[in-house]
Amino acid sequence: LYGKPGDVVHTTTYELPKLGPKQVQIDMAYSPINPADINMLEGKYLVQPELPCVLGNEGVGIIAEIGEEVEGISKGDHVILPFRNQDNWIGLWAETVLSPASEVIVIPKEIPLQQAAMLTINPVTANPTKEQKNRSMPEKDSINKSLLIISLSIPIKISVTKYIKIIEATAVIIKPL
């Protein structure tokens, strides 16, 4: 049931399924509430997971357990989880979540957890929509649009790539040796 957050949100306890061989268990540290979450609660967002569900579009956590086939991720690693569509939804307003290891991004521990919690949705929502682009940009053939990208983090690279597509620009990506 969608509606006003105060009317439709409640807490519950549920048992996590058994950790799969290619999964990680993440103890969530922070999961902010942003406008996309409110839109989901109201049933107005583009992506609507099947109800009932755990919501929470973005967040950061610490790896608590690792499936037996997982490589490159260690207990204690800080991770963020990119936004998911309704077909593989994992809500992050939880104490603990399971995720395929291939879908988490390990981040440096030097990044404060409170800031890391906002690395996946907030940068993307700062991008203009196609409609906004058409109002604010000159005709696509009248200017040469290119962006130089130098060694961005993965969440920011995802955001910049989306922006590049919206403004129909060309990206020149330089990776460090």
Protein backbone atom coordinates (compact mmCIF):
# COMPACT_ATOMS: atom_id res chain seq x y z
CA LEU A 1 0.00 0.00 0.00
CA TYR A 2 1.46 3.33 -1.04
CA GLY A 3 0.72 6.62 0.66
CA LYS A 4 2.08 9.21 3.06
CA PRO A 5 5.26 7.97 4.76
CA GLY A 6 3.75 8.27 8.25
CA ASP A 7 0.83 6.09 7.18
CA VAL A 8 2.65 3.32 5.30
CA VAL A 9 6.08 2.88 6.94
CA HIS A 10 6.51 0.48 9.81
CA THR A 11 9.28 -1.58 11.31
CA THR A 12 9.34 -5.34 11.27
CA THR A 13 11.68 -8.21 12.03
CA TYR A 14 12.47 -10.85 9.46
CA GLU A 15 14.93 -13.70 9.16
CA LEU A 16 17.70 -13.36 6.60
CA PRO A 17 18.00 -16.22 4.15
CA LYS A 18 21.12 -18.37 4.29
CA LEU A 19 24.18 -16.67 2.79
CA GLY A 20 24.81 -17.96 -0.71
CA PRO A 21 28.27 -18.91 -2.00
CA LYS A 22 28.53 -15.75 -4.16
CA GLN A 23 26.91 -13.37 -1.68
CA VAL A 24 28.07 -11.04 1.06
CA GLN A 25 26.29 -10.08 4.26
CA ILE A 26 26.44 -6.36 4.94
CA ASP A 27 25.79 -4.66 8.26
CA MET A 28 24.32 -1.34 7.17
CA ALA A 29 25.94 1.70 8.76
CA TYR A 30 23.95 4.51 7.13
CA SER A 31 21.06 4.67 4.68
CA PRO A 32 19.76 8.18 4.09
CA ILE A 33 16.22 9.20 3.24
CA ASN A 34 16.06 11.17 0.01
CA PRO A 35 13.28 12.41 -2.30
CA ALA A 36 13.42 9.23 -4.38
CA ASP A 37 12.59 7.20 -1.26
CA ILE A 38 9.62 9.43 -0.48
CA ASN A 39 8.42 9.14 -4.09
CA MET A 40 8.64 5.34 -3.79
CA LEU A 41 6.59 5.38 -0.58
CA GLU A 42 3.94 7.41 -2.37
CA GLY A 43 3.98 5.07 -5.40
CA LYS A 44 5.20 7.85 -7.69
CA TYR A 45 8.73 6.71 -8.55
CA LEU A 46 9.83 5.19 -11.85
CA VAL A 47 11.07 2.05 -10.05
CA GLN A 48 8.58 0.46 -7.67
CA PRO A 49 9.62 -2.81 -5.98
CA GLU A 50 6.92 -5.35 -5.30
CA LEU A 51 5.20 -4.78 -1.94
CA PRO A 52 5.67 -5.53 0.85
CA CYS A 53 9.35 -4.70 0.77
CA VAL A 54 12.22 -3.01 2.55
CA LEU A 55 12.89 0.39 1.02
CA GLY A 56 16.05 2.49 0.98
CA ASN A 57 17.73 3.41 -2.29
CA GLU A 58 21.24 4.05 -1.09
CA GLY A 59 23.54 3.39 1.80
CA VAL A 60 26.88 2.19 3.06
CA GLY A 61 27.71 -0.84 5.12
CA ILE A 62 30.47 -3.03 6.43
CA ILE A 63 31.03 -6.58 5.21
CA ALA A 64 30.12 -8.98 8.02
CA GLU A 65 30.19 -12.34 6.21
CA ILE A 66 31.44 -13.62 2.87
CA GLY A 67 30.15 -16.50 0.77
CA GLU A 68 32.64 -19.31 0.11
CA GLU A 69 33.14 -18.40 -3.57
CA VAL A 70 33.60 -14.63 -3.04
CA GLU A 71 36.98 -13.18 -3.97
CA GLY A 72 38.34 -9.65 -3.66
CA ILE A 73 36.14 -8.64 -0.73
CA SER A 74 37.08 -9.06 2.93
CA LYS A 75 35.25 -8.93 6.24
CA GLY A 76 35.37 -5.36 7.49
CA ASP A 77 35.44 -3.79 4.00
CA HIS A 78 33.26 -0.70 3.58
CA VAL A 79 30.87 -1.04 0.65
CA ILE A 80 28.18 0.85 -1.19
CA LEU A 81 25.43 -0.74 -3.24
CA PRO A 82 24.44 0.80 -6.58
CA PHE A 83 20.77 1.53 -7.20
CA ARG A 84 18.79 -1.50 -8.29
CA ASN A 85 15.72 -1.94 -10.44
CA GLN A 86 12.58 -3.70 -9.23
CA ASP A 87 13.77 -7.05 -10.64
CA ASN A 88 16.74 -7.32 -8.28
CA TRP A 89 15.69 -4.95 -5.51
CA ILE A 90 17.55 -4.84 -2.20
CA GLY A 91 16.15 -2.26 0.23
CA LEU A 92 18.81 -0.68 2.41
CA TRP A 93 16.71 0.60 5.32
CA ALA A 94 17.70 -2.49 7.25
CA GLU A 95 20.22 -3.48 9.86
CA THR A 96 21.65 -6.25 7.66
CA VAL A 97 21.26 -7.14 3.98
CA LEU A 98 22.51 -9.86 1.64
CA SER A 99 23.79 -8.93 -1.80
CA PRO A 100 25.53 -10.64 -4.67
CA ALA A 101 29.22 -9.84 -4.14
CA SER A 102 29.47 -8.75 -7.77
CA GLU A 103 27.06 -5.90 -7.09
CA VAL A 104 28.82 -4.15 -4.22
CA ILE A 105 31.53 -1.54 -4.54
CA VAL A 106 34.34 -1.59 -2.00
CA ILE A 107 35.25 1.96 -1.01
CA PRO A 108 38.31 3.31 0.81
CA LYS A 109 37.92 3.30 4.58
CA GLU A 110 39.16 6.90 4.60
CA ILE A 111 35.81 8.06 3.22
CA PRO A 112 33.56 8.94 6.18
CA LEU A 113 30.65 6.50 6.29
CA GLN A 114 28.10 9.32 6.54
CA GLN A 115 29.38 10.78 3.25
CA ALA A 116 29.75 7.40 1.55
CA ALA A 117 26.09 6.69 2.26
CA MET A 118 25.15 9.29 -0.36
CA LEU A 119 27.46 8.26 -3.21
CA THR A 120 25.05 6.29 -5.34
CA ILE A 121 21.78 8.22 -5.70
CA ASN A 122 22.59 11.84 -4.89
CA PRO A 123 25.13 12.32 -7.72
CA VAL A 124 22.78 10.75 -10.24
CA THR A 125 19.79 12.87 -9.21
CA ALA A 126 21.88 16.00 -9.74
CA ASN A 127 21.92 15.27 -13.48
CA PRO A 128 19.50 17.17 -15.70
CA THR A 129 16.60 15.38 -17.30
CA LYS A 130 16.35 15.21 -21.07
CA GLU A 131 13.61 17.85 -20.90
CA GLN A 132 15.79 20.19 -18.82
CA LYS A 133 18.69 19.64 -21.22
CA ASN A 134 16.54 20.60 -24.20
CA ARG A 135 15.52 23.87 -22.55
CA SER A 136 18.96 24.91 -21.37
CA MET A 137 21.36 23.68 -24.04
CA PRO A 138 21.82 25.01 -27.57
CA GLU A 139 20.96 22.79 -30.50
CA LYS A 140 23.13 19.66 -30.39
CA ASP A 141 24.78 20.40 -33.72
CA SER A 142 25.60 24.02 -32.89
CA ILE A 143 28.31 23.30 -30.31
CA ASN A 144 31.01 20.73 -29.76
CA LYS A 145 30.41 19.05 -26.38
CA SER A 146 33.11 16.94 -24.81
CA LEU A 147 34.05 16.12 -21.26
CA LEU A 148 37.46 15.10 -19.98
CA ILE A 149 37.20 12.51 -17.24
CA ILE A 150 40.26 11.77 -15.16
CA SER A 151 40.20 8.83 -12.77
CA LEU A 152 36.77 9.17 -11.17
CA SER A 153 35.42 6.84 -8.52
CA ILE A 154 32.93 4.29 -9.84
CA PRO A 155 29.77 5.96 -8.43
CA ILE A 156 30.79 9.35 -9.82
CA LYS A 157 31.81 7.76 -13.14
CA ILE A 158 28.32 6.22 -13.38
CA SER A 159 26.75 9.63 -12.75
CA VAL A 160 28.99 11.41 -15.23
CA THR A 161 28.35 8.74 -17.86
CA LYS A 162 24.60 9.22 -17.45
CA TYR A 163 25.00 13.00 -17.75
CA ILE A 164 27.13 12.59 -20.89
CA LYS A 165 24.36 10.54 -22.52
CA ILE A 166 21.72 13.11 -21.59
CA ILE A 167 23.62 16.03 -23.11
CA GLU A 168 24.80 13.88 -26.03
CA ALA A 169 28.45 14.68 -25.39
CA THR A 170 31.62 12.76 -26.08
CA ALA A 171 33.70 11.50 -23.17
CA VAL A 172 37.47 11.34 -23.17
CA ILE A 173 38.48 9.09 -20.29
CA ILE A 174 42.03 9.14 -18.94
CA LYS A 175 42.97 6.36 -16.56
CA PRO A 176 46.05 6.52 -14.33
CA LEU A 177 48.82 4.01 -15.01
